[in-house]
Amino acid sequence: MKLEERIREAIEAPLENKRYDLVRVHIVGGKSRLIVGVDIDRLDEKNVTIDDCVDANRLISAILDVEDFINGAYNLEVSSPGENRPLAKIRDFKRFCGQIAKMELVNPVEGIKKFTGKIVGVDEVENLIKVEIPEEDNRVVCLSVDNVKRANVKREFLKRR
């Protein structure tokens, strides 16, 4: 199991107990030490604050010290996922329903593998999302979340006239 997966498995439930959503774990190797990056969101859908990052950092640091996954020194960086927030879980798609997402699929659906579309529906029971694709005459496709290789919220900004 990759280090990112081991860390995710160890910290996801404790973070949820503190009302945080684990968005992503990413590791960058430095010459002298690793950087372990953890992106969190709040389950109440409010903005992540500096205090949230500090709180989550303390929790994650304690877990990593006990689990001892990492040989040698490392830096732990906890932050919000930012503008191009990744979407991976069904609850991510539900939260951002009505918004535009840039997506790449594992297997093409109706001949489409990469596209930008509006999330228009979520079926949590079946783990499915419905996406309207403007480039395809606003065709709506139904996708399994398991078939989504990569998805990110695409922020739209209003243009001034």
Protein backbone atom coordinates (compact mmCIF):
# COMPACT_ATOMS: atom_id res chain seq x y z
CA MET A 1 0.00 0.00 0.00
CA LYS A 2 1.33 3.44 -0.94
CA LEU A 3 2.29 5.81 1.86
CA GLU A 4 -0.47 8.29 0.89
CA GLU A 5 -3.07 5.51 1.19
CA ARG A 6 -1.74 4.36 4.57
CA ILE A 7 -1.87 7.92 5.90
CA ARG A 8 -5.38 8.45 4.47
CA GLU A 9 -6.59 5.25 6.11
CA ALA A 10 -5.14 6.27 9.49
CA ILE A 11 -6.42 9.87 9.60
CA GLU A 12 -9.75 9.88 7.72
CA ALA A 13 -12.03 8.64 10.53
CA PRO A 14 -10.40 10.75 13.29
CA LEU A 15 -10.73 13.85 11.08
CA GLU A 16 -14.41 13.06 10.44
CA ASN A 17 -14.93 12.75 14.20
CA LYS A 18 -13.62 16.33 14.46
CA ARG A 19 -16.05 17.34 11.63
CA TYR A 20 -13.43 17.63 8.91
CA ASP A 21 -13.51 16.02 5.49
CA LEU A 22 -10.22 14.61 4.24
CA VAL A 23 -9.94 15.82 0.66
CA ARG A 24 -6.43 14.75 -0.34
CA VAL A 25 -3.10 13.47 0.97
CA HIS A 26 -0.07 14.25 -1.16
CA ILE A 27 3.59 13.67 -0.51
CA VAL A 28 6.51 15.52 -2.03
CA GLY A 29 10.02 14.19 -1.52
CA GLY A 30 12.60 16.73 -0.55
CA LYS A 31 16.36 16.23 -0.40
CA SER A 32 16.48 16.36 3.36
CA ARG A 33 12.88 15.61 4.34
CA LEU A 34 9.44 14.71 3.03
CA ILE A 35 6.57 17.15 2.87
CA VAL A 36 3.25 15.53 3.77
CA GLY A 37 0.42 17.70 2.50
CA VAL A 38 -3.12 17.18 3.75
CA ASP A 39 -6.08 19.11 2.35
CA ILE A 40 -9.18 19.29 4.52
CA ASP A 41 -12.64 20.74 4.22
CA ARG A 42 -15.29 21.27 6.86
CA LEU A 43 -18.24 18.89 6.95
CA ASP A 44 -20.55 21.81 7.77
CA GLU A 45 -19.48 23.31 4.39
CA LYS A 46 -18.17 26.52 5.95
CA ASN A 47 -14.80 27.90 4.88
CA VAL A 48 -11.70 26.31 6.40
CA THR A 49 -9.99 28.68 8.83
CA ILE A 50 -6.42 28.85 10.08
CA ASP A 51 -7.67 27.51 13.43
CA ASP A 52 -9.16 24.51 11.59
CA CYS A 53 -5.78 23.82 9.96
CA VAL A 54 -3.98 24.09 13.30
CA ASP A 55 -6.53 21.79 14.97
CA ALA A 56 -6.29 19.19 12.19
CA ASN A 57 -2.49 19.49 12.12
CA ARG A 58 -2.25 18.61 15.82
CA LEU A 59 -4.51 15.59 15.36
CA ILE A 60 -2.74 14.30 12.23
CA SER A 61 0.71 14.89 13.74
CA ALA A 62 -0.20 12.82 16.81
CA ILE A 63 -1.52 9.97 14.64
CA LEU A 64 1.56 9.98 12.39
CA ASP A 65 3.86 9.94 15.42
CA VAL A 66 2.06 6.89 16.84
CA GLU A 67 1.74 5.02 13.52
CA ASP A 68 5.37 5.78 12.58
CA PHE A 69 4.75 5.40 8.81
CA ILE A 70 7.49 7.81 7.84
CA ASN A 71 11.17 7.06 8.22
CA GLY A 72 13.10 10.18 9.11
CA ALA A 73 12.07 13.80 9.31
CA TYR A 74 9.05 15.27 7.55
CA ASN A 75 7.05 18.47 7.43
CA LEU A 76 3.26 18.28 7.78
CA GLU A 77 1.29 20.93 5.90
CA VAL A 78 -2.48 21.08 6.44
CA SER A 79 -4.55 23.44 4.29
CA SER A 80 -7.85 23.95 2.53
CA PRO A 81 -8.15 22.41 -0.94
CA GLY A 82 -8.25 25.82 -2.64
CA GLU A 83 -9.92 27.11 -5.81
CA ASN A 84 -9.68 23.97 -7.93
CA ARG A 85 -10.99 21.65 -5.25
CA PRO A 86 -10.79 17.97 -6.20
CA LEU A 87 -14.02 15.96 -6.20
CA ALA A 88 -13.66 12.29 -5.29
CA LYS A 89 -16.47 11.14 -3.01
CA ILE A 90 -20.20 11.15 -3.67
CA ARG A 91 -20.66 13.77 -0.94
CA ASP A 92 -18.22 16.06 -2.82
CA PHE A 93 -20.42 15.92 -5.91
CA LYS A 94 -23.55 16.47 -3.79
CA ARG A 95 -21.99 19.51 -2.11
CA PHE A 96 -21.06 21.06 -5.45
CA CYS A 97 -24.24 20.11 -7.31
CA GLY A 98 -25.15 22.97 -9.64
CA GLN A 99 -21.51 23.89 -10.19
CA ILE A 100 -19.17 23.34 -13.11
CA ALA A 101 -16.57 20.57 -12.91
CA LYS A 102 -13.69 19.58 -15.15
CA MET A 103 -13.65 15.78 -15.34
CA GLU A 104 -11.64 12.88 -16.69
CA LEU A 105 -13.05 9.35 -16.68
CA VAL A 106 -11.35 5.98 -16.33
CA ASN A 107 -13.55 4.52 -19.09
CA PRO A 108 -15.37 6.63 -21.71
CA VAL A 109 -19.13 7.06 -21.35
CA GLU A 110 -21.02 7.57 -24.60
CA GLY A 111 -17.68 8.24 -26.31
CA ILE A 112 -16.62 10.95 -23.85
CA LYS A 113 -13.56 10.67 -21.60
CA LYS A 114 -12.58 14.30 -20.78
CA PHE A 115 -15.06 17.15 -20.49
CA THR A 116 -16.29 20.12 -18.52
CA GLY A 117 -19.87 20.00 -17.35
CA LYS A 118 -22.41 21.08 -14.77
CA ILE A 119 -23.21 18.65 -11.96
CA VAL A 120 -27.02 18.45 -12.11
CA GLY A 121 -27.85 15.45 -9.96
CA VAL A 122 -26.50 12.99 -7.40
CA ASP A 123 -27.79 9.55 -6.40
CA GLU A 124 -26.04 8.66 -3.16
CA VAL A 125 -27.61 5.20 -2.98
CA GLU A 126 -26.38 4.13 -6.42
CA ASN A 127 -23.17 6.23 -6.21
CA LEU A 128 -24.07 8.01 -9.47
CA ILE A 129 -23.82 11.59 -10.67
CA LYS A 130 -25.56 13.34 -13.55
CA VAL A 131 -23.58 15.87 -15.52
CA GLU A 132 -24.81 18.25 -18.21
CA ILE A 133 -22.22 18.77 -20.94
CA PRO A 134 -22.53 22.08 -22.83
CA GLU A 135 -20.15 21.01 -25.63
CA GLU A 136 -22.51 18.08 -26.32
CA ASP A 137 -25.69 20.20 -26.78
CA ASN A 138 -26.33 20.12 -23.01
CA ARG A 139 -26.61 16.34 -23.08
CA VAL A 140 -26.91 14.84 -19.58
CA VAL A 141 -24.80 11.77 -18.86
CA CYS A 142 -25.04 9.51 -15.83
CA LEU A 143 -21.68 8.49 -14.34
CA SER A 144 -20.55 6.16 -11.61
CA VAL A 145 -18.30 7.98 -9.16
CA ASP A 146 -15.99 4.95 -9.38
CA ASN A 147 -15.45 5.76 -13.08
CA VAL A 148 -14.20 9.28 -12.32
CA LYS A 149 -10.41 9.35 -12.60
CA ARG A 150 -10.10 13.07 -11.82
CA ALA A 151 -12.58 15.86 -11.18
CA ASN A 152 -12.16 19.43 -9.98
CA VAL A 153 -14.54 22.27 -9.32
CA LYS A 154 -14.10 24.86 -12.03
CA ARG A 155 -14.81 28.31 -10.67
CA GLU A 156 -16.56 30.71 -12.97
CA PHE A 157 -16.07 34.40 -12.61
CA LEU A 158 -18.45 37.04 -13.83
CA LYS A 159 -17.09 39.21 -16.62
CA ARG A 160 -17.33 42.94 -16.30
CA ARG A 161 -18.83 44.85 -19.15
